[in-house]
Amino acid sequence: MAKSLAVTDTTAVLTTIKVPTLLLWGDGDRRSPLSVAERFHAAIPDSQLRVIPGAGHVSNMEKPDDFNANVHRFLLEA
């Protein structure tokens, strides 16, 4: 499954997302740099991109308070 995820391009699917979408990104993510987040954000209609300073690829574990605060705020706004 991991190999399939790594080689399968599902970029075209992003434009079909029709639900509120929050993209949370660590500003230090080396696995998927911020440029990836910006492309996702541009492709997903009405998405929100929020960047967590000082976090990497697993921002939920590295900065759990910031991650949870962003999710909470997003859910209250939806």
PDB file of N, CA and C in Angstrom:
ATOM      1  N   MET A   1       0.813  -1.166   0.000  1.00  0.00           N
ATOM      2  CA  MET A   1       0.000   0.000   0.000  1.00  0.00           C
ATOM      3  C   MET A   1       0.873   1.251   0.000  1.00  0.00           C
ATOM      4  N   ALA A   2       1.921   1.258   0.819  1.00  0.00           N
ATOM      5  CA  ALA A   2       2.794   2.427   0.863  1.00  0.00           C
ATOM      6  C   ALA A   2       3.435   2.684  -0.491  1.00  0.00           C
ATOM      7  N   LYS A   3       3.850   1.614  -1.168  1.00  0.00           N
ATOM      8  CA  LYS A   3       4.452   1.771  -2.486  1.00  0.00           C
ATOM      9  C   LYS A   3       3.437   2.314  -3.479  1.00  0.00           C
ATOM     10  N   SER A   4       2.223   1.810  -3.420  1.00  0.00           N
ATOM     11  CA  SER A   4       1.170   2.292  -4.302  1.00  0.00           C
ATOM     12  C   SER A   4       0.902   3.775  -4.076  1.00  0.00           C
ATOM     13  N   LEU A   5       0.846   4.188  -2.810  1.00  0.00           N
ATOM     14  CA  LEU A   5       0.621   5.597  -2.505  1.00  0.00           C
ATOM     15  C   LEU A   5       1.753   6.475  -3.029  1.00  0.00           C
ATOM     16  N   ALA A   6       2.954   5.939  -3.007  1.00  0.00           N
ATOM     17  CA  ALA A   6       4.113   6.709  -3.437  1.00  0.00           C
ATOM     18  C   ALA A   6       4.174   6.883  -4.951  1.00  0.00           C
ATOM     19  N   VAL A   7       3.630   5.945  -5.703  1.00  0.00           N
ATOM     20  CA  VAL A   7       3.765   6.005  -7.162  1.00  0.00           C
ATOM     21  C   VAL A   7       2.480   6.366  -7.893  1.00  0.00           C
ATOM     22  N   THR A   8       1.355   6.384  -7.210  1.00  0.00           N
ATOM     23  CA  THR A   8       0.084   6.684  -7.855  1.00  0.00           C
ATOM     24  C   THR A   8      -0.198   8.176  -7.764  1.00  0.00           C
ATOM     25  N   ASP A   9      -0.455   8.792  -8.916  1.00  0.00           N
ATOM     26  CA  ASP A   9      -0.748  10.222  -8.951  1.00  0.00           C
ATOM     27  C   ASP A   9      -2.262  10.431  -8.897  1.00  0.00           C
ATOM     28  N   THR A  10      -2.743  10.947  -7.795  1.00  0.00           N
ATOM     29  CA  THR A  10      -4.176  11.201  -7.631  1.00  0.00           C
ATOM     30  C   THR A  10      -4.478  12.704  -7.620  1.00  0.00           C
ATOM     31  N   THR A  11      -3.592  13.487  -8.182  1.00  0.00           N
ATOM     32  CA  THR A  11      -3.745  14.938  -8.204  1.00  0.00           C
ATOM     33  C   THR A  11      -5.083  15.369  -8.802  1.00  0.00           C
ATOM     34  N   ALA A  12      -5.539  14.692  -9.837  1.00  0.00           N
ATOM     35  CA  ALA A  12      -6.791  15.079 -10.504  1.00  0.00           C
ATOM     36  C   ALA A  12      -7.997  14.961  -9.578  1.00  0.00           C
ATOM     37  N   VAL A  13      -7.908  14.125  -8.575  1.00  0.00           N
ATOM     38  CA  VAL A  13      -9.015  13.931  -7.639  1.00  0.00           C
ATOM     39  C   VAL A  13      -9.212  15.158  -6.747  1.00  0.00           C
ATOM     40  N   LEU A  14      -8.154  15.913  -6.514  1.00  0.00           N
ATOM     41  CA  LEU A  14      -8.235  17.044  -5.593  1.00  0.00           C
ATOM     42  C   LEU A  14      -9.319  18.041  -5.988  1.00  0.00           C
ATOM     43  N   THR A  15      -9.483  18.293  -7.253  1.00  0.00           N
ATOM     44  CA  THR A  15     -10.477  19.273  -7.707  1.00  0.00           C
ATOM     45  C   THR A  15     -11.906  18.797  -7.501  1.00  0.00           C
ATOM     46  N   THR A  16     -12.090  17.518  -7.218  1.00  0.00           N
ATOM     47  CA  THR A  16     -13.449  16.976  -7.041  1.00  0.00           C
ATOM     48  C   THR A  16     -13.902  16.992  -5.585  1.00  0.00           C
ATOM     49  N   ILE A  17     -13.044  17.398  -4.680  1.00  0.00           N
ATOM     50  CA  ILE A  17     -13.400  17.433  -3.257  1.00  0.00           C
ATOM     51  C   ILE A  17     -14.421  18.540  -3.032  1.00  0.00           C
ATOM     52  N   LYS A  18     -15.548  18.191  -2.456  1.00  0.00           N
ATOM     53  CA  LYS A  18     -16.654  19.136  -2.283  1.00  0.00           C
ATOM     54  C   LYS A  18     -17.040  19.328  -0.816  1.00  0.00           C
ATOM     55  N   VAL A  19     -16.147  19.070   0.092  1.00  0.00           N
ATOM     56  CA  VAL A  19     -16.411  19.236   1.525  1.00  0.00           C
ATOM     57  C   VAL A  19     -15.372  20.197   2.095  1.00  0.00           C
ATOM     58  N   PRO A  20     -15.705  20.843   3.210  1.00  0.00           N
ATOM     59  CA  PRO A  20     -14.697  21.711   3.832  1.00  0.00           C
ATOM     60  C   PRO A  20     -13.422  20.923   4.109  1.00  0.00           C
ATOM     61  N   THR A  21     -12.304  21.491   3.726  1.00  0.00           N
ATOM     62  CA  THR A  21     -11.029  20.787   3.835  1.00  0.00           C
ATOM     63  C   THR A  21      -9.997  21.671   4.512  1.00  0.00           C
ATOM     64  N   LEU A  22      -9.399  21.140   5.562  1.00  0.00           N
ATOM     65  CA  LEU A  22      -8.326  21.827   6.264  1.00  0.00           C
ATOM     66  C   LEU A  22      -7.020  21.127   5.948  1.00  0.00           C
ATOM     67  N   LEU A  23      -6.075  21.879   5.455  1.00  0.00           N
ATOM     68  CA  LEU A  23      -4.731  21.372   5.212  1.00  0.00           C
ATOM     69  C   LEU A  23      -3.832  21.933   6.305  1.00  0.00           C
ATOM     70  N   LEU A  24      -3.345  21.073   7.164  1.00  0.00           N
ATOM     71  CA  LEU A  24      -2.424  21.480   8.225  1.00  0.00           C
ATOM     72  C   LEU A  24      -1.030  21.034   7.829  1.00  0.00           C
ATOM     73  N   TRP A  25      -0.096  21.959   7.834  1.00  0.00           N
ATOM     74  CA  TRP A  25       1.253  21.656   7.356  1.00  0.00           C
ATOM     75  C   TRP A  25       2.288  22.187   8.320  1.00  0.00           C
ATOM     76  N   GLY A  26       3.285  21.400   8.588  1.00  0.00           N
ATOM     77  CA  GLY A  26       4.421  21.874   9.364  1.00  0.00           C
ATOM     78  C   GLY A  26       5.371  22.639   8.467  1.00  0.00           C
ATOM     79  N   ASP A  27       5.838  23.783   8.928  1.00  0.00           N
ATOM     80  CA  ASP A  27       6.727  24.583   8.078  1.00  0.00           C
ATOM     81  C   ASP A  27       8.088  23.923   7.865  1.00  0.00           C
ATOM     82  N   GLY A  28       8.387  22.900   8.657  1.00  0.00           N
ATOM     83  CA  GLY A  28       9.648  22.179   8.498  1.00  0.00           C
ATOM     84  C   GLY A  28       9.477  20.794   7.891  1.00  0.00           C
ATOM     85  N   ASP A  29       8.351  20.562   7.228  1.00  0.00           N
ATOM     86  CA  ASP A  29       8.080  19.243   6.637  1.00  0.00           C
ATOM     87  C   ASP A  29       9.008  19.005   5.462  1.00  0.00           C
ATOM     88  N   ARG A  30       9.921  18.055   5.613  1.00  0.00           N
ATOM     89  CA  ARG A  30      10.839  17.720   4.524  1.00  0.00           C
ATOM     90  C   ARG A  30      10.281  16.624   3.636  1.00  0.00           C
ATOM     91  N   ARG A  31       9.362  15.817   4.155  1.00  0.00           N
ATOM     92  CA  ARG A  31       8.745  14.740   3.366  1.00  0.00           C
ATOM     93  C   ARG A  31       7.819  15.333   2.310  1.00  0.00           C
ATOM     94  N   SER A  32       7.025  16.309   2.724  1.00  0.00           N
ATOM     95  CA  SER A  32       6.113  17.008   1.820  1.00  0.00           C
ATOM     96  C   SER A  32       6.247  18.498   2.108  1.00  0.00           C
ATOM     97  N   PRO A  33       7.140  19.178   1.397  1.00  0.00           N
ATOM     98  CA  PRO A  33       7.392  20.583   1.686  1.00  0.00           C
ATOM     99  C   PRO A  33       6.158  21.464   1.454  1.00  0.00           C
ATOM    100  N   LEU A  34       6.228  22.679   1.939  1.00  0.00           N
ATOM    101  CA  LEU A  34       5.115  23.609   1.855  1.00  0.00           C
ATOM    102  C   LEU A  34       4.635  23.816   0.417  1.00  0.00           C
ATOM    103  N   SER A  35       5.517  23.660  -0.553  1.00  0.00           N
ATOM    104  CA  SER A  35       5.096  23.803  -1.950  1.00  0.00           C
ATOM    105  C   SER A  35       4.034  22.763  -2.317  1.00  0.00           C
ATOM    106  N   VAL A  36       4.094  21.580  -1.714  1.00  0.00           N
ATOM    107  CA  VAL A  36       3.069  20.549  -1.932  1.00  0.00           C
ATOM    108  C   VAL A  36       1.749  21.026  -1.344  1.00  0.00           C
ATOM    109  N   ALA A  37       1.796  21.572  -0.139  1.00  0.00           N
ATOM    110  CA  ALA A  37       0.585  22.092   0.501  1.00  0.00           C
ATOM    111  C   ALA A  37      -0.051  23.186  -0.338  1.00  0.00           C
ATOM    112  N   GLU A  38       0.762  24.047  -0.880  1.00  0.00           N
ATOM    113  CA  GLU A  38       0.250  25.148  -1.705  1.00  0.00           C
ATOM    114  C   GLU A  38      -0.421  24.631  -2.970  1.00  0.00           C
ATOM    115  N   ARG A  39       0.124  23.576  -3.562  1.00  0.00           N
ATOM    116  CA  ARG A  39      -0.518  22.966  -4.742  1.00  0.00           C
ATOM    117  C   ARG A  39      -1.840  22.319  -4.360  1.00  0.00           C
ATOM    118  N   PHE A  40      -1.875  21.610  -3.237  1.00  0.00           N
ATOM    119  CA  PHE A  40      -3.127  21.010  -2.758  1.00  0.00           C
ATOM    120  C   PHE A  40      -4.167  22.102  -2.518  1.00  0.00           C
ATOM    121  N   HIS A  41      -3.749  23.152  -1.834  1.00  0.00           N
ATOM    122  CA  HIS A  41      -4.647  24.255  -1.496  1.00  0.00           C
ATOM    123  C   HIS A  41      -5.222  24.899  -2.765  1.00  0.00           C
ATOM    124  N   ALA A  42      -4.386  25.084  -3.755  1.00  0.00           N
ATOM    125  CA  ALA A  42      -4.838  25.679  -5.010  1.00  0.00           C
ATOM    126  C   ALA A  42      -5.820  24.768  -5.751  1.00  0.00           C
ATOM    127  N   ALA A  43      -5.674  23.466  -5.581  1.00  0.00           N
ATOM    128  CA  ALA A  43      -6.502  22.507  -6.324  1.00  0.00           C
ATOM    129  C   ALA A  43      -7.817  22.171  -5.618  1.00  0.00           C
ATOM    130  N   ILE A  44      -7.851  22.226  -4.308  1.00  0.00           N
ATOM    131  CA  ILE A  44      -9.053  21.839  -3.564  1.00  0.00           C
ATOM    132  C   ILE A  44      -9.925  23.069  -3.369  1.00  0.00           C
ATOM    133  N   PRO A  45     -11.116  23.063  -3.946  1.00  0.00           N
ATOM    134  CA  PRO A  45     -11.991  24.231  -3.824  1.00  0.00           C
ATOM    135  C   PRO A  45     -12.299  24.555  -2.361  1.00  0.00           C
ATOM    136  N   ASP A  46     -12.248  25.825  -2.033  1.00  0.00           N
ATOM    137  CA  ASP A  46     -12.606  26.316  -0.692  1.00  0.00           C
ATOM    138  C   ASP A  46     -11.830  25.664   0.442  1.00  0.00           C
ATOM    139  N   SER A  47     -10.619  25.227   0.171  1.00  0.00           N
ATOM    140  CA  SER A  47      -9.802  24.641   1.238  1.00  0.00           C
ATOM    141  C   SER A  47      -9.141  25.753   2.046  1.00  0.00           C
ATOM    142  N   GLN A  48      -8.721  25.391   3.231  1.00  0.00           N
ATOM    143  CA  GLN A  48      -7.953  26.297   4.081  1.00  0.00           C
ATOM    144  C   GLN A  48      -6.593  25.655   4.335  1.00  0.00           C
ATOM    145  N   LEU A  49      -5.564  26.458   4.221  1.00  0.00           N
ATOM    146  CA  LEU A  49      -4.205  25.999   4.508  1.00  0.00           C
ATOM    147  C   LEU A  49      -3.708  26.749   5.732  1.00  0.00           C
ATOM    148  N   ARG A  50      -3.327  25.997   6.732  1.00  0.00           N
ATOM    149  CA  ARG A  50      -2.735  26.583   7.930  1.00  0.00           C
ATOM    150  C   ARG A  50      -1.388  25.912   8.170  1.00  0.00           C
ATOM    151  N   VAL A  51      -0.407  26.730   8.465  1.00  0.00           N
ATOM    152  CA  VAL A  51       0.961  26.248   8.647  1.00  0.00           C
ATOM    153  C   VAL A  51       1.307  26.304  10.132  1.00  0.00           C
ATOM    154  N   ILE A  52       1.874  25.213  10.625  1.00  0.00           N
ATOM    155  CA  ILE A  52       2.265  25.120  12.024  1.00  0.00           C
ATOM    156  C   ILE A  52       3.772  25.352  12.118  1.00  0.00           C
ATOM    157  N   PRO A  53       4.164  26.470  12.709  1.00  0.00           N
ATOM    158  CA  PRO A  53       5.595  26.772  12.840  1.00  0.00           C
ATOM    159  C   PRO A  53       6.297  25.755  13.747  1.00  0.00           C
ATOM    160  N   GLY A  54       7.504  25.396  13.346  1.00  0.00           N
ATOM    161  CA  GLY A  54       8.316  24.512  14.161  1.00  0.00           C
ATOM    162  C   GLY A  54       7.923  23.048  14.099  1.00  0.00           C
ATOM    163  N   ALA A  55       7.033  22.697  13.183  1.00  0.00           N
ATOM    164  CA  ALA A  55       6.603  21.300  13.045  1.00  0.00           C
ATOM    165  C   ALA A  55       7.095  20.747  11.712  1.00  0.00           C
ATOM    166  N   GLY A  56       7.200  19.424  11.671  1.00  0.00           N
ATOM    167  CA  GLY A  56       7.587  18.738  10.447  1.00  0.00           C
ATOM    168  C   GLY A  56       6.408  17.984   9.873  1.00  0.00           C
ATOM    169  N   HIS A  57       6.658  16.768   9.404  1.00  0.00           N
ATOM    170  CA  HIS A  57       5.641  15.973   8.717  1.00  0.00           C
ATOM    171  C   HIS A  57       4.568  15.422   9.654  1.00  0.00           C
ATOM    172  N   VAL A  58       4.899  15.214  10.908  1.00  0.00           N
ATOM    173  CA  VAL A  58       3.910  14.680  11.850  1.00  0.00           C
ATOM    174  C   VAL A  58       3.562  15.760  12.881  1.00  0.00           C
ATOM    175  N   SER A  59       2.991  16.838  12.382  1.00  0.00           N
ATOM    176  CA  SER A  59       2.709  18.000  13.228  1.00  0.00           C
ATOM    177  C   SER A  59       1.760  17.664  14.370  1.00  0.00           C
ATOM    178  N   ASN A  60       0.902  16.676  14.174  1.00  0.00           N
ATOM    179  CA  ASN A  60      -0.012  16.282  15.256  1.00  0.00           C
ATOM    180  C   ASN A  60       0.733  15.722  16.464  1.00  0.00           C
ATOM    181  N   MET A  61       1.900  15.146  16.234  1.00  0.00           N
ATOM    182  CA  MET A  61       2.697  14.597  17.327  1.00  0.00           C
ATOM    183  C   MET A  61       3.756  15.601  17.801  1.00  0.00           C
ATOM    184  N   GLU A  62       4.251  16.414  16.888  1.00  0.00           N
ATOM    185  CA  GLU A  62       5.320  17.353  17.217  1.00  0.00           C
ATOM    186  C   GLU A  62       4.796  18.610  17.926  1.00  0.00           C
ATOM    187  N   LYS A  63       3.635  19.052  17.521  1.00  0.00           N
ATOM    188  CA  LYS A  63       3.020  20.263  18.083  1.00  0.00           C
ATOM    189  C   LYS A  63       1.531  19.995  18.324  1.00  0.00           C
ATOM    190  N   PRO A  64       1.213  19.049  19.209  1.00  0.00           N
ATOM    191  CA  PRO A  64      -0.183  18.639  19.373  1.00  0.00           C
ATOM    192  C   PRO A  64      -1.123  19.770  19.791  1.00  0.00           C
ATOM    193  N   ASP A  65      -0.667  20.686  20.629  1.00  0.00           N
ATOM    194  CA  ASP A  65      -1.547  21.787  21.045  1.00  0.00           C
ATOM    195  C   ASP A  65      -1.894  22.692  19.867  1.00  0.00           C
ATOM    196  N   ASP A  66      -0.898  23.021  19.055  1.00  0.00           N
ATOM    197  CA  ASP A  66      -1.147  23.844  17.868  1.00  0.00           C
ATOM    198  C   ASP A  66      -2.029  23.109  16.872  1.00  0.00           C
ATOM    199  N   PHE A  67      -1.741  21.839  16.661  1.00  0.00           N
ATOM    200  CA  PHE A  67      -2.526  21.029  15.737  1.00  0.00           C
ATOM    201  C   PHE A  67      -3.990  20.992  16.184  1.00  0.00           C
ATOM    202  N   ASN A  68      -4.207  20.654  17.457  1.00  0.00           N
ATOM    203  CA  ASN A  68      -5.574  20.545  17.973  1.00  0.00           C
ATOM    204  C   ASN A  68      -6.304  21.881  17.937  1.00  0.00           C
ATOM    205  N   ALA A  69      -5.611  22.972  18.241  1.00  0.00           N
ATOM    206  CA  ALA A  69      -6.235  24.298  18.197  1.00  0.00           C
ATOM    207  C   ALA A  69      -6.696  24.640  16.786  1.00  0.00           C
ATOM    208  N   ASN A  70      -5.889  24.295  15.795  1.00  0.00           N
ATOM    209  CA  ASN A  70      -6.266  24.554  14.401  1.00  0.00           C
ATOM    210  C   ASN A  70      -7.465  23.719  13.982  1.00  0.00           C
ATOM    211  N   VAL A  71      -7.488  22.457  14.365  1.00  0.00           N
ATOM    212  CA  VAL A  71      -8.628  21.593  14.030  1.00  0.00           C
ATOM    213  C   VAL A  71      -9.881  22.105  14.730  1.00  0.00           C
ATOM    214  N   HIS A  72      -9.760  22.456  15.980  1.00  0.00           N
ATOM    215  CA  HIS A  72     -10.898  22.957  16.747  1.00  0.00           C
ATOM    216  C   HIS A  72     -11.467  24.230  16.096  1.00  0.00           C
ATOM    217  N   ARG A  73     -10.595  25.169  15.763  1.00  0.00           N
ATOM    218  CA  ARG A  73     -11.039  26.412  15.121  1.00  0.00           C
ATOM    219  C   ARG A  73     -11.725  26.127  13.789  1.00  0.00           C
ATOM    220  N   PHE A  74     -11.163  25.221  13.013  1.00  0.00           N
ATOM    221  CA  PHE A  74     -11.749  24.861  11.711  1.00  0.00           C
ATOM    222  C   PHE A  74     -13.145  24.268  11.895  1.00  0.00           C
ATOM    223  N   LEU A  75     -13.286  23.387  12.861  1.00  0.00           N
ATOM    224  CA  LEU A  75     -14.597  22.747  13.088  1.00  0.00           C
ATOM    225  C   LEU A  75     -15.633  23.754  13.569  1.00  0.00           C
ATOM    226  N   LEU A  76     -15.232  24.709  14.363  1.00  0.00           N
ATOM    227  CA  LEU A  76     -16.167  25.725  14.824  1.00  0.00           C
ATOM    228  C   LEU A  76     -16.600  26.659  13.687  1.00  0.00           C
ATOM    229  N   GLU A  77     -15.715  26.856  12.723  1.00  0.00           N
ATOM    230  CA  GLU A  77     -16.022  27.729  11.586  1.00  0.00           C
ATOM    231  C   GLU A  77     -16.883  27.043  10.536  1.00  0.00           C
ATOM    232  N   ALA A  78     -16.830  25.721  10.489  1.00  0.00           N
ATOM    233  CA  ALA A  78     -17.528  24.961   9.431  1.00  0.00           C
ATOM    234  C   ALA A  78     -19.033  24.950   9.640  1.00  0.00           C
TER     235      ALA A  78
END
